[in-house]
Amino acid sequence: MSFWKMAEELSAELEVSRETFYEATRIAIEEAFLEVSGIQECDVDLESKTLTAVFRVPEDVSYDKAVEVDPDVAPRDLIIVNYDLEDMPQKVVKEFKMRFREVLFDLHATEVYMKAKRLTRKVLRGVIDEAGKNYFEVILPEEEIIALFPRRYWVKKEIRRYRKGVYLYFYVLYVKKEGASVEVILSRRSKGLPEGYLKNLFPSHIFRCVLRRPGERSLVLTDMNTRDRSLREERKRLEWELNEVVKLRPI
């Protein structure tokens, strides 16, 4: 069985980009070969389906064996050997199977983390999905990310609204990666929620929440005319969204 077919089968249930899939395949083949051969350097070219191995004389290969490959070899030289990926030793294939999923999950987690990291401190609309003991899972549809909404970031007065299928706005508090796991943490208590909500609607203006008592009231300073009709309408929508009084004051 070719490395491609094995990689396809091993990654069948995980949705990853083709770039991540190819990179995981390349890295896993290289790591497998290095582990089995005991050498320190090799390079895989997936396009030509070849592996180039670098053997040091005499650290990786004895002088006598090196002479069989290159009669002109001398101690401390390097021997370059090319291998066909379709004809690799079974030990390498077995080692590849053991390593590929781990490499793929780690690269996939890095891919998700880099995508999610850009969302930190932004206000996004999400839909509440599954409930855990002390958290809700929230789907962020536009970003295609499942985030966590822990109990400590809930607003007590609005807990009844937290039901599956309900859309709400959330503040992305932080993103963390541990091994192959990525967590996007959301909050409804942050000062960043009212100011980020308004900033999304009026990006050319300044909004700074200087006081917030979640579920009661917020005070937001802005350089925008607080009598502006569109701003007043959005303030009312924000009050409904947060279930609290939102006051706007000029900076």
Protein backbone atom coordinates (compact mmCIF):
# COMPACT_ATOMS: atom_id res chain seq x y z
CA MET A 1 0.00 0.00 0.00
CA SER A 2 1.36 3.44 -0.94
CA PHE A 3 1.98 6.21 1.58
CA TRP A 4 -0.77 8.23 -0.13
CA LYS A 5 -3.41 5.54 0.33
CA MET A 6 -2.40 4.94 3.96
CA ALA A 7 -2.45 8.67 4.68
CA GLU A 8 -5.89 9.04 3.07
CA GLU A 9 -7.31 6.21 5.17
CA LEU A 10 -5.69 7.39 8.41
CA SER A 11 -7.04 10.94 7.95
CA ALA A 12 -10.49 10.04 6.62
CA GLU A 13 -12.47 11.39 9.60
CA LEU A 14 -10.51 14.62 10.02
CA GLU A 15 -11.22 17.60 7.78
CA VAL A 16 -7.88 19.23 6.98
CA SER A 17 -6.58 21.40 4.18
CA ARG A 18 -4.65 19.69 1.39
CA GLU A 19 -1.58 21.70 2.39
CA THR A 20 -1.75 20.31 5.93
CA PHE A 21 -2.35 16.79 4.62
CA TYR A 22 0.71 16.92 2.35
CA GLU A 23 2.90 18.47 5.03
CA ALA A 24 1.89 15.82 7.57
CA THR A 25 2.63 13.08 5.06
CA ARG A 26 6.06 14.52 4.29
CA ILE A 27 7.02 15.00 7.93
CA ALA A 28 5.80 11.54 8.98
CA ILE A 29 7.76 9.82 6.20
CA GLU A 30 10.93 11.72 7.12
CA GLU A 31 10.54 11.00 10.83
CA ALA A 32 9.85 7.32 10.15
CA PHE A 33 12.92 6.95 7.94
CA LEU A 34 15.19 8.76 10.41
CA GLU A 35 13.95 6.56 13.26
CA VAL A 36 14.49 3.31 11.37
CA SER A 37 17.79 4.22 9.67
CA GLY A 38 19.34 6.03 12.62
CA ILE A 39 20.67 8.85 10.42
CA GLN A 40 20.16 12.53 11.14
CA GLU A 41 19.16 14.03 7.81
CA CYS A 42 16.83 13.20 4.94
CA ASP A 43 14.48 15.06 2.64
CA VAL A 44 11.19 13.92 1.08
CA ASP A 45 9.99 15.24 -2.26
CA LEU A 46 6.34 14.29 -2.64
CA GLU A 47 6.14 15.52 -6.20
CA SER A 48 8.88 13.20 -7.45
CA LYS A 49 7.99 10.57 -4.82
CA THR A 50 11.57 10.26 -3.66
CA LEU A 51 13.45 10.41 -0.38
CA THR A 52 17.02 11.70 -0.32
CA ALA A 53 19.04 10.35 2.60
CA VAL A 54 22.36 11.80 3.80
CA PHE A 55 24.73 9.26 5.35
CA ARG A 56 27.83 10.45 7.20
CA VAL A 57 30.97 8.35 7.01
CA PRO A 58 31.62 6.65 9.38
CA GLU A 59 28.91 7.84 11.86
CA ASP A 60 25.93 6.57 9.82
CA VAL A 61 27.59 4.04 7.55
CA SER A 62 30.87 2.20 7.85
CA TYR A 63 33.71 3.09 5.52
CA ASP A 64 33.67 -0.41 3.99
CA LYS A 65 29.99 -0.17 3.07
CA ALA A 66 30.41 3.42 1.86
CA VAL A 67 33.10 2.30 -0.57
CA GLU A 68 30.60 -0.12 -2.12
CA VAL A 69 28.40 2.86 -2.98
CA ASP A 70 31.18 5.27 -3.94
CA PRO A 71 34.72 3.93 -4.51
CA ASP A 72 36.16 7.44 -4.11
CA VAL A 73 34.61 8.08 -0.70
CA ALA A 74 36.81 9.23 2.17
CA PRO A 75 36.27 9.38 5.93
CA ARG A 76 34.08 12.33 7.00
CA ASP A 77 32.44 12.40 3.57
CA LEU A 78 28.71 12.39 2.95
CA ILE A 79 26.96 9.70 0.96
CA ILE A 80 23.74 10.79 -0.80
CA VAL A 81 21.27 7.99 -1.51
CA ASN A 82 17.89 8.40 -3.25
CA TYR A 83 14.97 6.11 -2.42
CA ASP A 84 11.68 5.52 -4.21
CA LEU A 85 8.76 6.20 -1.87
CA GLU A 86 6.82 3.39 -3.55
CA ASP A 87 9.52 0.90 -2.56
CA MET A 88 10.37 1.73 1.06
CA PRO A 89 11.34 -0.94 3.64
CA GLN A 90 8.40 -2.34 5.63
CA LYS A 91 9.92 -1.08 8.89
CA VAL A 92 9.66 2.48 7.56
CA VAL A 93 6.07 1.90 6.42
CA LYS A 94 5.14 0.52 9.86
CA GLU A 95 6.79 3.46 11.62
CA PHE A 96 4.97 5.86 9.28
CA LYS A 97 1.60 4.40 10.31
CA MET A 98 2.47 4.98 13.95
CA ARG A 99 3.54 8.59 13.43
CA PHE A 100 1.23 10.00 10.77
CA ARG A 101 -1.91 10.60 12.82
CA GLU A 102 0.03 12.28 15.62
CA VAL A 103 1.76 14.60 13.15
CA LEU A 104 -1.50 15.31 11.31
CA PHE A 105 -3.45 16.14 14.47
CA ASP A 106 -0.67 18.44 15.67
CA LEU A 107 -0.47 20.30 12.34
CA HIS A 108 -4.26 20.51 12.16
CA ALA A 109 -4.36 21.98 15.68
CA THR A 110 -1.73 24.54 14.69
CA GLU A 111 -3.78 25.43 11.60
CA VAL A 112 -6.93 25.91 13.71
CA TYR A 113 -5.01 27.83 16.37
CA MET A 114 -3.54 30.32 13.89
CA LYS A 115 -6.99 30.86 12.40
CA ALA A 116 -8.64 31.26 15.80
CA LYS A 117 -5.89 33.44 17.26
CA ARG A 118 -6.87 36.23 14.88
CA LEU A 119 -10.31 36.32 16.50
CA THR A 120 -9.02 37.22 19.97
CA ARG A 121 -10.68 40.34 21.43
CA LYS A 122 -13.29 40.41 18.70
CA VAL A 123 -17.07 40.30 19.09
CA LEU A 124 -18.71 37.55 17.06
CA ARG A 125 -22.18 36.12 16.65
CA GLY A 126 -22.53 32.47 17.56
CA VAL A 127 -25.20 29.85 18.15
CA ILE A 128 -25.35 27.88 21.38
CA ASP A 129 -25.01 24.17 20.74
CA GLU A 130 -24.30 21.38 23.22
CA ALA A 131 -24.26 21.93 26.98
CA GLY A 132 -21.66 20.49 29.36
CA LYS A 133 -21.62 20.53 33.14
CA ASN A 134 -20.04 23.96 33.44
CA TYR A 135 -19.95 25.21 29.86
CA PHE A 136 -21.75 25.51 26.54
CA GLU A 137 -20.32 24.75 23.14
CA VAL A 138 -20.90 27.65 20.76
CA ILE A 139 -20.67 27.38 17.00
CA LEU A 140 -19.19 30.42 15.26
CA PRO A 141 -20.72 29.83 11.80
CA GLU A 142 -18.76 32.33 9.73
CA GLU A 143 -15.43 31.18 11.20
CA GLU A 144 -16.43 27.47 11.18
CA ILE A 145 -15.12 27.09 14.71
CA ILE A 146 -16.60 25.46 17.82
CA ALA A 147 -15.81 27.55 20.89
CA LEU A 148 -16.35 27.10 24.64
CA PHE A 149 -18.48 29.37 26.82
CA PRO A 150 -17.50 28.50 30.43
CA ARG A 151 -19.79 29.14 33.41
CA ARG A 152 -17.45 31.75 34.92
CA TYR A 153 -18.12 33.98 31.91
CA TRP A 154 -21.91 33.67 32.03
CA VAL A 155 -24.16 36.55 33.11
CA LYS A 156 -26.39 35.32 35.91
CA LYS A 157 -29.48 37.32 34.92
CA GLU A 158 -29.56 35.93 31.40
CA ILE A 159 -28.81 32.25 32.00
CA ARG A 160 -32.35 31.32 30.94
CA ARG A 161 -31.46 32.54 27.44
CA TYR A 162 -28.67 29.99 27.14
CA ARG A 163 -30.47 27.31 25.17
CA LYS A 164 -29.48 25.24 22.19
CA GLY A 165 -30.15 27.06 18.92
CA VAL A 166 -30.10 30.57 20.41
CA TYR A 167 -27.92 33.14 18.66
CA LEU A 168 -26.00 35.62 20.81
CA TYR A 169 -22.98 37.88 20.53
CA PHE A 170 -19.81 36.84 22.35
CA TYR A 171 -16.46 38.38 23.15
CA VAL A 172 -13.50 36.14 22.22
CA LEU A 173 -11.53 36.27 25.44
CA TYR A 174 -8.54 34.13 24.49
CA VAL A 175 -7.36 31.15 22.46
CA LYS A 176 -5.05 28.45 23.76
CA LYS A 177 -3.38 25.37 22.30
CA GLU A 178 -2.29 22.35 24.31
CA GLY A 179 -0.81 19.61 22.18
CA ALA A 180 -3.35 18.75 19.49
CA SER A 181 -6.19 20.53 21.33
CA VAL A 182 -7.29 24.11 20.65
CA GLU A 183 -9.75 25.98 22.85
CA VAL A 184 -11.48 29.24 21.93
CA ILE A 185 -12.90 30.80 25.10
CA LEU A 186 -15.91 33.13 24.93
CA SER A 187 -17.36 35.59 27.42
CA ARG A 188 -20.57 37.56 27.91
CA ARG A 189 -19.18 39.45 30.93
CA SER A 190 -16.32 41.37 29.35
CA LYS A 191 -16.23 45.14 28.82
CA GLY A 192 -15.08 44.28 25.35
CA LEU A 193 -18.54 43.00 24.41
CA PRO A 194 -20.47 46.31 24.28
CA GLU A 195 -17.55 48.29 22.84
CA GLY A 196 -16.70 45.58 20.29
CA TYR A 197 -20.32 45.28 19.23
CA LEU A 198 -20.50 49.01 18.44
CA LYS A 199 -17.02 49.03 16.88
CA ASN A 200 -18.14 46.34 14.43
CA LEU A 201 -20.98 48.60 13.29
CA PHE A 202 -19.04 51.88 13.25
CA PRO A 203 -15.41 50.85 12.56
CA SER A 204 -14.16 54.39 11.92
CA HIS A 205 -15.11 55.54 15.42
CA ILE A 206 -13.75 55.00 18.92
CA PHE A 207 -15.74 53.09 21.56
CA ARG A 208 -14.38 52.43 25.03
CA CYS A 209 -16.36 50.70 27.74
CA VAL A 210 -15.14 52.18 31.03
CA LEU A 211 -17.74 50.63 33.31
CA ARG A 212 -19.78 47.47 33.12
CA ARG A 213 -21.95 45.59 35.55
CA PRO A 214 -23.09 42.60 33.47
CA GLY A 215 -26.86 42.35 33.31
CA GLU A 216 -27.33 45.82 34.80
CA ARG A 217 -25.58 48.67 33.01
CA SER A 218 -22.61 49.72 30.89
CA LEU A 219 -20.98 53.07 30.21
CA VAL A 220 -19.31 53.48 26.81
CA LEU A 221 -17.29 56.52 25.78
CA THR A 222 -17.21 57.43 22.10
CA ASP A 223 -16.00 60.10 19.71
CA MET A 224 -19.23 59.69 17.74
CA ASN A 225 -22.14 62.09 18.12
CA THR A 226 -24.26 60.37 20.78
CA ARG A 227 -27.39 61.92 19.23
CA ASP A 228 -26.71 60.23 15.90
CA ARG A 229 -29.87 58.40 14.91
CA SER A 230 -28.17 55.22 13.71
CA LEU A 231 -26.05 55.05 16.87
CA ARG A 232 -29.10 55.48 19.08
CA GLU A 233 -30.91 52.68 17.22
CA GLU A 234 -27.95 50.35 17.59
CA ARG A 235 -27.64 51.24 21.26
CA LYS A 236 -31.22 50.03 21.77
CA ARG A 237 -30.42 46.77 19.97
CA LEU A 238 -27.34 46.37 22.13
CA GLU A 239 -29.41 46.90 25.28
CA TRP A 240 -31.75 44.14 24.17
CA GLU A 241 -28.80 41.90 23.32
CA LEU A 242 -27.15 42.41 26.73
CA ASN A 243 -30.35 42.85 28.73
CA GLU A 244 -28.80 45.89 30.42
CA VAL A 245 -28.85 49.68 30.18
CA VAL A 246 -26.11 51.05 27.91
CA LYS A 247 -25.14 54.68 28.39
CA LEU A 248 -23.13 56.55 25.76
CA ARG A 249 -20.98 59.53 26.68
CA PRO A 250 -18.62 61.68 24.55
CA ILE A 251 -14.91 61.16 25.13
